[in-house]
C-alpha atoms as a PDB file:
ATOM      1  CA  MET A   1      27.342   0.547  44.302  1.00  0.00           C
ATOM      2  CA  SER A   2      29.708  -1.826  42.445  1.00  0.00           C
ATOM      3  CA  SER A   3      31.823  -0.665  39.511  1.00  0.00           C
ATOM      4  CA  ASP A   4      29.263  -2.498  37.177  1.00  0.00           C
ATOM      5  CA  ASP A   5      26.482  -0.460  38.450  1.00  0.00           C
ATOM      6  CA  TRP A   6      25.821   2.760  36.400  1.00  0.00           C
ATOM      7  CA  SER A   7      24.621   5.902  38.049  1.00  0.00           C
ATOM      8  CA  ASP A   8      21.649   7.998  36.950  1.00  0.00           C
ATOM      9  CA  THR A   9      24.157  10.658  35.691  1.00  0.00           C
ATOM     10  CA  GLU A  10      25.961   7.964  33.591  1.00  0.00           C
ATOM     11  CA  ASN A  11      22.835   6.583  32.202  1.00  0.00           C
ATOM     12  CA  ASP A  12      21.515   9.932  31.360  1.00  0.00           C
ATOM     13  CA  ALA A  13      24.759  10.754  29.437  1.00  0.00           C
ATOM     14  CA  VAL A  14      24.542   7.552  27.491  1.00  0.00           C
ATOM     15  CA  VAL A  15      20.824   8.032  26.720  1.00  0.00           C
ATOM     16  CA  ALA A  16      21.441  11.577  25.597  1.00  0.00           C
ATOM     17  CA  SER A  17      24.233  10.529  23.260  1.00  0.00           C
ATOM     18  CA  TYR A  18      22.010   7.779  21.842  1.00  0.00           C
ATOM     19  CA  PHE A  19      19.134  10.073  21.056  1.00  0.00           C
ATOM     20  CA  SER A  20      21.436  12.526  19.403  1.00  0.00           C
ATOM     21  CA  MET A  21      22.616   9.747  16.969  1.00  0.00           C
ATOM     22  CA  LEU A  22      19.002   8.640  16.524  1.00  0.00           C
ATOM     23  CA  ASN A  23      17.912  12.101  15.696  1.00  0.00           C
ATOM     24  CA  ASP A  24      20.583  12.465  13.131  1.00  0.00           C
ATOM     25  CA  GLU A  25      19.838   9.035  11.695  1.00  0.00           C
ATOM     26  CA  LEU A  26      16.026   9.566  11.297  1.00  0.00           C
ATOM     27  CA  SER A  27      16.703  13.025   9.740  1.00  0.00           C
ATOM     28  CA  GLY A  28      19.176  11.662   7.207  1.00  0.00           C
ATOM     29  CA  ARG A  29      22.149  13.480   8.643  1.00  0.00           C
ATOM     30  CA  SER A  30      25.514  11.884   9.090  1.00  0.00           C
ATOM     31  CA  TYR A  31      27.107  11.377  12.453  1.00  0.00           C
ATOM     32  CA  ASN A  32      30.149   9.757  13.908  1.00  0.00           C
ATOM     33  CA  LYS A  33      29.667   6.924  16.563  1.00  0.00           C
ATOM     34  CA  ALA A  34      33.270   6.954  17.560  1.00  0.00           C
ATOM     35  CA  ALA A  35      33.128  10.766  18.249  1.00  0.00           C
ATOM     36  CA  GLN A  36      29.952  10.175  20.343  1.00  0.00           C
ATOM     37  CA  ASN A  37      31.624   7.491  22.265  1.00  0.00           C
ATOM     38  CA  ARG A  38      34.692   9.686  22.991  1.00  0.00           C
ATOM     39  CA  LEU A  39      32.394  12.450  24.058  1.00  0.00           C
ATOM     40  CA  VAL A  40      30.563  10.134  26.626  1.00  0.00           C
ATOM     41  CA  GLN A  41      33.964   8.812  27.746  1.00  0.00           C
ATOM     42  CA  GLU A  42      35.029  12.398  28.653  1.00  0.00           C
ATOM     43  CA  GLN A  43      31.785  12.963  30.546  1.00  0.00           C
ATOM     44  CA  ILE A  44      31.607   9.795  32.698  1.00  0.00           C
ATOM     45  CA  GLY A  45      34.999   8.183  32.501  1.00  0.00           C
ATOM     46  CA  ARG A  46      33.849   4.817  31.250  1.00  0.00           C
ATOM     47  CA  SER A  47      35.785   2.680  28.594  1.00  0.00           C
ATOM     48  CA  ARG A  48      34.878   2.769  24.862  1.00  0.00           C
ATOM     49  CA  GLY A  49      33.847  -0.881  25.216  1.00  0.00           C
ATOM     50  CA  ALA A  50      31.481  -0.310  28.194  1.00  0.00           C
ATOM     51  CA  ILE A  51      29.779   2.667  26.341  1.00  0.00           C
ATOM     52  CA  GLU A  52      29.482   0.713  23.197  1.00  0.00           C
ATOM     53  CA  PHE A  53      27.795  -2.164  25.120  1.00  0.00           C
ATOM     54  CA  LYS A  54      25.586   0.327  26.980  1.00  0.00           C
ATOM     55  CA  HIS A  55      24.268   1.864  23.768  1.00  0.00           C
ATOM     56  CA  CYS A  56      23.260  -1.676  22.710  1.00  0.00           C
ATOM     57  CA  ASN A  57      21.316  -1.858  26.008  1.00  0.00           C
ATOM     58  CA  VAL A  58      19.618   1.501  25.205  1.00  0.00           C
ATOM     59  CA  SER A  59      18.464  -0.081  21.796  1.00  0.00           C
ATOM     60  CA  ALA A  60      16.780  -2.907  23.810  1.00  0.00           C
ATOM     61  CA  ALA A  61      15.094  -0.559  26.255  1.00  0.00           C
ATOM     62  CA  ALA A  62      14.036   1.717  23.499  1.00  0.00           C
ATOM     63  CA  LYS A  63      12.546  -1.157  21.666  1.00  0.00           C
ATOM     64  CA  GLY A  64      10.409  -1.851  24.814  1.00  0.00           C
ATOM     65  CA  PHE A  65       9.407   1.799  24.816  1.00  0.00           C
ATOM     66  CA  GLY A  66       7.919   1.415  21.270  1.00  0.00           C
ATOM     67  CA  LEU A  67      10.689   3.707  19.888  1.00  0.00           C
ATOM     68  CA  PRO A  68      12.883   3.432  16.779  1.00  0.00           C
ATOM     69  CA  ILE A  69      16.393   2.331  17.443  1.00  0.00           C
ATOM     70  CA  VAL A  70      19.860   3.293  16.104  1.00  0.00           C
ATOM     71  CA  LYS A  71      20.956   1.000  13.331  1.00  0.00           C
ATOM     72  CA  GLY A  72      24.110  -0.896  14.169  1.00  0.00           C
ATOM     73  CA  TYR A  73      23.488  -1.066  17.904  1.00  0.00           C
ATOM     74  CA  GLN A  74      21.787  -4.448  18.197  1.00  0.00           C
ATOM     75  CA  PRO A  75      19.666  -4.711  21.275  1.00  0.00           C
ATOM     76  CA  ARG A  76      21.202  -6.424  24.333  1.00  0.00           C
ATOM     77  CA  PHE A  77      18.529  -7.080  26.824  1.00  0.00           C
ATOM     78  CA  ASN A  78      20.577  -7.542  29.987  1.00  0.00           C
ATOM     79  CA  PHE A  79      19.858  -3.964  31.033  1.00  0.00           C
ATOM     80  CA  GLN A  80      18.599  -2.613  34.440  1.00  0.00           C
ATOM     81  CA  MET A  81      15.216  -0.848  34.747  1.00  0.00           C
ATOM     82  CA  ALA A  82      17.397   2.181  35.819  1.00  0.00           C
ATOM     83  CA  LEU A  83      18.317   2.512  32.147  1.00  0.00           C
ATOM     84  CA  ALA A  84      14.628   2.518  31.044  1.00  0.00           C
ATOM     85  CA  GLU A  85      13.992   5.238  33.685  1.00  0.00           C
ATOM     86  CA  ALA A  86      16.793   7.277  32.084  1.00  0.00           C
ATOM     87  CA  ILE A  87      14.973   7.002  28.689  1.00  0.00           C
ATOM     88  CA  SER A  88      11.699   8.188  30.417  1.00  0.00           C
ATOM     89  CA  ARG A  89      13.478  11.091  31.905  1.00  0.00           C
ATOM     90  CA  TRP A  90      14.847  12.162  28.459  1.00  0.00           C
ATOM     91  CA  LEU A  91      11.439  11.895  26.834  1.00  0.00           C
ATOM     92  CA  ALA A  92       9.981  13.968  29.621  1.00  0.00           C
ATOM     93  CA  LEU A  93      12.597  16.623  29.016  1.00  0.00           C
ATOM     94  CA  HIS A  94      11.887  16.555  25.275  1.00  0.00           C
ATOM     95  CA  PRO A  95       8.057  16.388  25.049  1.00  0.00           C
ATOM     96  CA  ASP A  96       7.900  17.362  21.466  1.00  0.00           C
ATOM     97  CA  TRP A  97      10.444  14.924  20.215  1.00  0.00           C
ATOM     98  CA  GLU A  98       8.105  12.099  19.203  1.00  0.00           C
ATOM     99  CA  THR A  99       5.685  14.471  17.276  1.00  0.00           C
ATOM    100  CA  ALA A 100       8.666  15.774  15.253  1.00  0.00           C
ATOM    101  CA  VAL A 101      10.608  12.471  14.668  1.00  0.00           C
ATOM    102  CA  TYR A 102       8.620  11.319  11.623  1.00  0.00           C
ATOM    103  CA  ARG A 103       8.042  14.748   9.776  1.00  0.00           C
ATOM    104  CA  PRO A 104      10.387  13.785   6.871  1.00  0.00           C
ATOM    105  CA  HIS A 105       7.706  11.220   5.973  1.00  0.00           C
ATOM    106  CA  GLN A 106       4.834  13.527   5.817  1.00  0.00           C
ATOM    107  CA  SER A 107       5.877  15.739   2.927  1.00  0.00           C
ATOM    108  CA  GLY A 108       4.947  13.065   0.335  1.00  0.00           C
ATOM    109  CA  MET A 109       2.295  11.112   2.218  1.00  0.00           C
ATOM    110  CA  ALA A 110      -0.575  12.157   0.136  1.00  0.00           C
ATOM    111  CA  GLU A 111       1.113  10.806  -2.945  1.00  0.00           C
ATOM    112  CA  THR A 112       2.287   7.562  -1.432  1.00  0.00           C
ATOM    113  CA  SER A 113       1.826   4.667  -3.768  1.00  0.00           C
ATOM    114  CA  SER A 114       2.688   1.679  -1.630  1.00  0.00           C
ATOM    115  CA  LEU A 115       2.649   0.394   1.846  1.00  0.00           C
ATOM    116  CA  PHE A 116       4.026  -3.038   2.909  1.00  0.00           C
ATOM    117  CA  VAL A 117       1.239  -4.983   4.565  1.00  0.00           C
ATOM    118  CA  GLY A 118       2.519  -8.237   5.935  1.00  0.00           C
ATOM    119  CA  VAL A 119       1.712 -10.969   8.307  1.00  0.00           C
ATOM    120  CA  ALA A 120       0.672 -10.221  11.885  1.00  0.00           C
ATOM    121  CA  PRO A 121       2.848 -11.485  14.744  1.00  0.00           C
ATOM    122  CA  THR A 122       2.247 -15.115  15.714  1.00  0.00           C
ATOM    123  CA  LEU A 123       3.587 -17.607  18.163  1.00  0.00           C
ATOM    124  CA  ARG A 124       5.969 -18.938  15.554  1.00  0.00           C
ATOM    125  CA  ASN A 125       7.921 -15.479  15.373  1.00  0.00           C
ATOM    126  CA  THR A 126       7.680 -14.662  19.068  1.00  0.00           C
ATOM    127  CA  PRO A 127      11.173 -13.454  20.419  1.00  0.00           C
ATOM    128  CA  PRO A 128      12.997 -15.481  23.056  1.00  0.00           C
ATOM    129  CA  PRO A 129      10.874 -15.477  26.355  1.00  0.00           C
ATOM    130  CA  GLU A 130      13.441 -13.460  28.316  1.00  0.00           C
ATOM    131  CA  GLU A 131      13.568 -10.779  25.655  1.00  0.00           C
ATOM    132  CA  LEU A 132       9.789 -10.490  25.304  1.00  0.00           C
ATOM    133  CA  GLU A 133       9.342 -10.416  29.042  1.00  0.00           C
ATOM    134  CA  LYS A 134      11.914  -7.523  29.381  1.00  0.00           C
ATOM    135  CA  MET A 135      10.231  -5.458  26.686  1.00  0.00           C
ATOM    136  CA  GLN A 136       6.739  -6.148  28.006  1.00  0.00           C
ATOM    137  CA  ALA A 137       7.845  -5.131  31.471  1.00  0.00           C
ATOM    138  CA  VAL A 138       9.088  -1.748  30.147  1.00  0.00           C
ATOM    139  CA  ALA A 139       5.920  -1.280  28.146  1.00  0.00           C
ATOM    140  CA  ARG A 140       3.673  -1.840  31.170  1.00  0.00           C
ATOM    141  CA  ARG A 141       5.699   0.290  33.532  1.00  0.00           C
ATOM    142  CA  PHE A 142       5.911   3.401  31.281  1.00  0.00           C
ATOM    143  CA  ASP A 143       2.533   2.944  29.641  1.00  0.00           C
ATOM    144  CA  VAL A 144       3.880   2.755  26.084  1.00  0.00           C
ATOM    145  CA  ALA A 145       0.410   2.051  24.611  1.00  0.00           C
ATOM    146  CA  GLY A 146      -0.991   5.050  26.393  1.00  0.00           C
ATOM    147  CA  ARG A 147       1.844   7.227  25.180  1.00  0.00           C
ATOM    148  CA  ASP A 148       1.197   6.336  21.539  1.00  0.00           C
ATOM    149  CA  GLU A 149      -2.581   6.799  22.112  1.00  0.00           C
ATOM    150  CA  ARG A 150      -2.039  10.383  23.447  1.00  0.00           C
ATOM    151  CA  ASN A 151       0.319  11.279  20.594  1.00  0.00           C
ATOM    152  CA  ARG A 152      -2.414  12.856  18.415  1.00  0.00           C
ATOM    153  CA  VAL A 153      -0.082  13.879  15.689  1.00  0.00           C
ATOM    154  CA  LEU A 154       1.242  10.350  15.257  1.00  0.00           C
ATOM    155  CA  GLY A 155      -2.189   9.062  15.212  1.00  0.00           C
ATOM    156  CA  ARG A 156      -3.440  11.509  12.685  1.00  0.00           C
ATOM    157  CA  ALA A 157      -0.396  10.845  10.425  1.00  0.00           C
ATOM    158  CA  GLY A 158      -0.982   7.119  10.457  1.00  0.00           C
ATOM    159  CA  GLU A 159      -4.656   7.590   9.471  1.00  0.00           C
ATOM    160  CA  GLU A 160      -3.833   9.772   6.693  1.00  0.00           C
ATOM    161  CA  LEU A 161      -1.316   7.231   5.320  1.00  0.00           C
ATOM    162  CA  VAL A 162      -3.989   4.443   5.437  1.00  0.00           C
ATOM    163  CA  PHE A 163      -6.622   6.798   3.882  1.00  0.00           C
ATOM    164  CA  HIS A 164      -4.353   7.371   0.832  1.00  0.00           C
ATOM    165  CA  HIS A 165      -3.292   3.635   0.800  1.00  0.00           C
ATOM    166  CA  GLU A 166      -6.929   2.455   0.565  1.00  0.00           C
ATOM    167  CA  ARG A 167      -7.637   4.881  -2.263  1.00  0.00           C
ATOM    168  CA  PHE A 168      -4.569   3.876  -4.148  1.00  0.00           C
ATOM    169  CA  GLN A 169      -5.246   0.192  -3.849  1.00  0.00           C
ATOM    170  CA  LEU A 170      -8.692   0.556  -5.214  1.00  0.00           C
ATOM    171  CA  HIS A 171      -7.485   2.675  -8.114  1.00  0.00           C
ATOM    172  CA  GLN A 172      -4.962  -0.007  -8.816  1.00  0.00           C
ATOM    173  CA  GLN A 173      -7.825  -2.635  -9.037  1.00  0.00           C
ATOM    174  CA  GLY A 174      -9.836  -0.654 -11.405  1.00  0.00           C
ATOM    175  CA  ARG A 175     -12.298   0.712  -8.829  1.00  0.00           C
ATOM    176  CA  GLY A 176     -11.742   4.503  -9.077  1.00  0.00           C
ATOM    177  CA  ASP A 177     -15.472   4.828  -8.458  1.00  0.00           C
ATOM    178  CA  LEU A 178     -15.068   3.296  -5.012  1.00  0.00           C
ATOM    179  CA  ALA A 179     -11.878   5.154  -4.327  1.00  0.00           C
ATOM    180  CA  LYS A 180     -13.704   8.440  -4.558  1.00  0.00           C
ATOM    181  CA  ARG A 181     -16.010   7.278  -1.899  1.00  0.00           C
ATOM    182  CA  VAL A 182     -13.311   6.298   0.732  1.00  0.00           C
ATOM    183  CA  ARG A 183     -13.803   8.589   3.759  1.00  0.00           C
ATOM    184  CA  TRP A 184     -11.590   9.658   6.611  1.00  0.00           C
ATOM    185  CA  VAL A 185     -14.345   9.378   9.165  1.00  0.00           C
ATOM    186  CA  SER A 186     -12.364  10.402  12.358  1.00  0.00           C
ATOM    187  CA  GLN A 187     -11.232  13.579  10.586  1.00  0.00           C
ATOM    188  CA  GLU A 188     -14.575  14.411   8.936  1.00  0.00           C
ATOM    189  CA  ASP A 189     -16.933  13.414  11.631  1.00  0.00           C
ATOM    190  CA  GLY A 190     -14.704  13.189  14.669  1.00  0.00           C
ATOM    191  CA  ASP A 191     -14.009  10.171  16.957  1.00  0.00           C
ATOM    192  CA  GLY A 192     -16.772   7.830  18.053  1.00  0.00           C
ATOM    193  CA  ALA A 193     -17.730   5.678  15.163  1.00  0.00           C
ATOM    194  CA  GLY A 194     -15.478   2.897  16.298  1.00  0.00           C
ATOM    195  CA  TYR A 195     -13.321   3.099  13.215  1.00  0.00           C
ATOM    196  CA  ASP A 196     -11.212   5.763  11.463  1.00  0.00           C
ATOM    197  CA  ILE A 197     -11.470   5.051   7.740  1.00  0.00           C
ATOM    198  CA  PHE A 198     -14.541   3.968   5.742  1.00  0.00           C
ATOM    199  CA  SER A 199     -13.362   2.073   2.654  1.00  0.00           C
ATOM    200  CA  TYR A 200     -14.394  -0.786   0.329  1.00  0.00           C
ATOM    201  CA  THR A 201     -13.095  -4.048  -0.982  1.00  0.00           C
ATOM    202  CA  PRO A 202     -12.720  -4.187  -4.783  1.00  0.00           C
ATOM    203  CA  GLU A 203     -16.006  -6.162  -4.843  1.00  0.00           C
ATOM    204  CA  GLY A 204     -17.799  -3.293  -3.094  1.00  0.00           C
ATOM    205  CA  ARG A 205     -18.015  -4.557   0.394  1.00  0.00           C
ATOM    206  CA  GLU A 206     -17.568  -1.953   3.234  1.00  0.00           C
ATOM    207  CA  ARG A 207     -14.188  -1.932   4.984  1.00  0.00           C
ATOM    208  CA  LEU A 208     -14.353  -0.273   8.500  1.00  0.00           C
ATOM    209  CA  ILE A 209     -10.794   0.443   9.425  1.00  0.00           C
ATOM    210  CA  GLU A 210      -9.462   1.301  12.775  1.00  0.00           C
ATOM    211  CA  VAL A 211      -5.817   2.525  12.640  1.00  0.00           C
ATOM    212  CA  LYS A 212      -3.341   2.068  15.350  1.00  0.00           C
ATOM    213  CA  THR A 213       0.118   3.662  14.821  1.00  0.00           C
ATOM    214  CA  THR A 214       3.525   3.362  16.635  1.00  0.00           C
ATOM    215  CA  ASN A 215       7.160   4.285  15.875  1.00  0.00           C
ATOM    216  CA  GLY A 216       8.102   1.043  17.583  1.00  0.00           C
ATOM    217  CA  TRP A 217       8.298  -2.659  16.435  1.00  0.00           C
ATOM    218  CA  GLU A 218       5.313  -4.787  15.506  1.00  0.00           C
ATOM    219  CA  ARG A 219       4.681  -6.122  18.954  1.00  0.00           C
ATOM    220  CA  THR A 220       4.349  -2.831  20.618  1.00  0.00           C
ATOM    221  CA  PRO A 221       1.191  -2.807  22.682  1.00  0.00           C
ATOM    222  CA  PHE A 222      -1.728  -0.439  21.830  1.00  0.00           C
ATOM    223  CA  HIS A 223      -4.849   0.890  23.397  1.00  0.00           C
ATOM    224  CA  ILE A 224      -8.340  -0.076  22.079  1.00  0.00           C
ATOM    225  CA  SER A 225     -11.566   1.457  23.373  1.00  0.00           C
ATOM    226  CA  ARG A 226     -14.711  -0.318  24.528  1.00  0.00           C
ATOM    227  CA  ASN A 227     -16.555   1.391  21.784  1.00  0.00           C
ATOM    228  CA  GLU A 228     -14.077   0.063  19.117  1.00  0.00           C
ATOM    229  CA  LEU A 229     -14.335  -3.456  20.355  1.00  0.00           C
ATOM    230  CA  GLU A 230     -18.175  -3.258  20.321  1.00  0.00           C
ATOM    231  CA  VAL A 231     -18.080  -2.175  16.719  1.00  0.00           C
ATOM    232  CA  ALA A 232     -15.649  -4.806  15.971  1.00  0.00           C
ATOM    233  CA  GLU A 233     -17.952  -7.448  17.366  1.00  0.00           C
ATOM    234  CA  ALA A 234     -21.149  -6.042  15.748  1.00  0.00           C
ATOM    235  CA  ARG A 235     -19.494  -5.690  12.285  1.00  0.00           C
ATOM    236  CA  ARG A 236     -17.204  -8.708  12.307  1.00  0.00           C
ATOM    237  CA  GLU A 237     -17.258  -9.147   8.605  1.00  0.00           C
ATOM    238  CA  ASP A 238     -16.522  -5.565   7.866  1.00  0.00           C
ATOM    239  CA  TRP A 239     -14.210  -4.268  10.648  1.00  0.00           C
ATOM    240  CA  HIS A 240     -10.403  -4.284  10.429  1.00  0.00           C
ATOM    241  CA  LEU A 241      -7.663  -3.276  12.772  1.00  0.00           C
ATOM    242  CA  PHE A 242      -4.853  -1.745  10.694  1.00  0.00           C
ATOM    243  CA  ARG A 243      -1.635  -1.711  12.769  1.00  0.00           C
ATOM    244  CA  LEU A 244       1.110   0.582  11.502  1.00  0.00           C
ATOM    245  CA  TYR A 245       4.636   0.196  12.960  1.00  0.00           C
ATOM    246  CA  GLU A 246       8.124   1.488  12.478  1.00  0.00           C
ATOM    247  CA  PHE A 247       6.397   4.625  11.293  1.00  0.00           C
ATOM    248  CA  ALA A 248       9.337   6.880  11.805  1.00  0.00           C
ATOM    249  CA  ARG A 249      11.504   5.011   9.299  1.00  0.00           C
ATOM    250  CA  SER A 250       9.691   3.054   6.617  1.00  0.00           C
ATOM    251  CA  PRO A 251       6.104   2.409   7.747  1.00  0.00           C
ATOM    252  CA  LYS A 252       4.805  -1.251   7.589  1.00  0.00           C
ATOM    253  CA  ALA A 253       1.567  -2.714   8.555  1.00  0.00           C
ATOM    254  CA  PHE A 254      -0.702  -5.761   9.193  1.00  0.00           C
ATOM    255  CA  GLU A 255      -4.368  -6.203   9.684  1.00  0.00           C
ATOM    256  CA  LEU A 256      -6.223  -7.998  12.403  1.00  0.00           C
ATOM    257  CA  ARG A 257      -9.782  -9.232  12.191  1.00  0.00           C
ATOM    258  CA  PRO A 258     -12.386  -9.893  14.868  1.00  0.00           C
ATOM    259  CA  PRO A 259     -12.474 -11.481  17.342  1.00  0.00           C
ATOM    260  CA  LEU A 260      -9.313  -9.656  18.508  1.00  0.00           C
ATOM    261  CA  ASP A 261      -8.748 -11.819  21.449  1.00  0.00           C
ATOM    262  CA  ALA A 262      -7.746 -14.459  18.939  1.00  0.00           C
ATOM    263  CA  HIS A 263      -4.755 -12.459  18.203  1.00  0.00           C
ATOM    264  CA  VAL A 264      -3.985 -10.351  21.312  1.00  0.00           C
ATOM    265  CA  THR A 265      -4.488 -10.444  25.070  1.00  0.00           C
ATOM    266  CA  LEU A 266      -6.938  -7.858  26.045  1.00  0.00           C
ATOM    267  CA  THR A 267      -6.181  -6.339  29.447  1.00  0.00           C
ATOM    268  CA  ALA A 268      -8.408  -3.859  31.339  1.00  0.00           C
ATOM    269  CA  THR A 269      -6.374  -0.808  32.162  1.00  0.00           C
ATOM    270  CA  SER A 270      -8.969   1.516  33.657  1.00  0.00           C
ATOM    271  CA  PHE A 271     -12.462   1.431  35.211  1.00  0.00           C
ATOM    272  CA  GLN A 272     -15.451   3.902  35.089  1.00  0.00           C
ATOM    273  CA  ALA A 273     -16.817   4.925  38.458  1.00  0.00           C
ATOM    274  CA  SER A 274     -20.422   5.525  38.594  1.00  0.00           C
ATOM    275  CA  PHE A 275     -22.547   6.791  41.662  1.00  0.00           C
ATOM    276  CA  GLN A 276     -25.167   4.378  42.859  1.00  0.00           C
END
């Protein structure tokens, strides 16, 4: 191993330091980056500059994981996969972290009055190929989309936000009558409808909304079921995919309309085995 290679012990120490700062930042607590750097120096004997650079590498790998990142540590994408493995180890040791990270936003969620809904990612705003390839490699290797899908607390919180957003928008447009009829279908009836929220346009047309939520950036991959795709195809004029991202900080969103393969690449990730 050369002096430029970092051991698992060194990577684990830097990742633990990074998540300590991230926890404080997301919780609104103050922290001292210099003090954290000195602590890691004492632990692993690396220089201040090397640790500062490595924290930027952690930001890049964390972005690939679909996680929020520490402000001020701009992602540097020349990291080894061993650093991503250190993040995976940290997450495995702290399984409840991702269900707790956005709790500060939940207290006033029912009274939320606005949600920024912007433009979906396009080829024009694609990151440099080498950066995108690195993040996609991390997302594939560690099943980032599956992790978000299994995080039921995150999914429920995202659906709740969209439910109240839809009602608020209808009230704002003078359709309080329709706002009262908006339904949180997945909560009231359970999964299986192919959408989570039953809403309306101001003109009274039905809006069938499937919500996908992540703490990561807007290009974080997501899972979509065969049933959801079938409903999207059958109800093309009414079905909407509502993508929430950066949920742990200040949630933002965009919408996708069928056909979905005009916007994203759909990749089969599992197969059903039936006996002949």
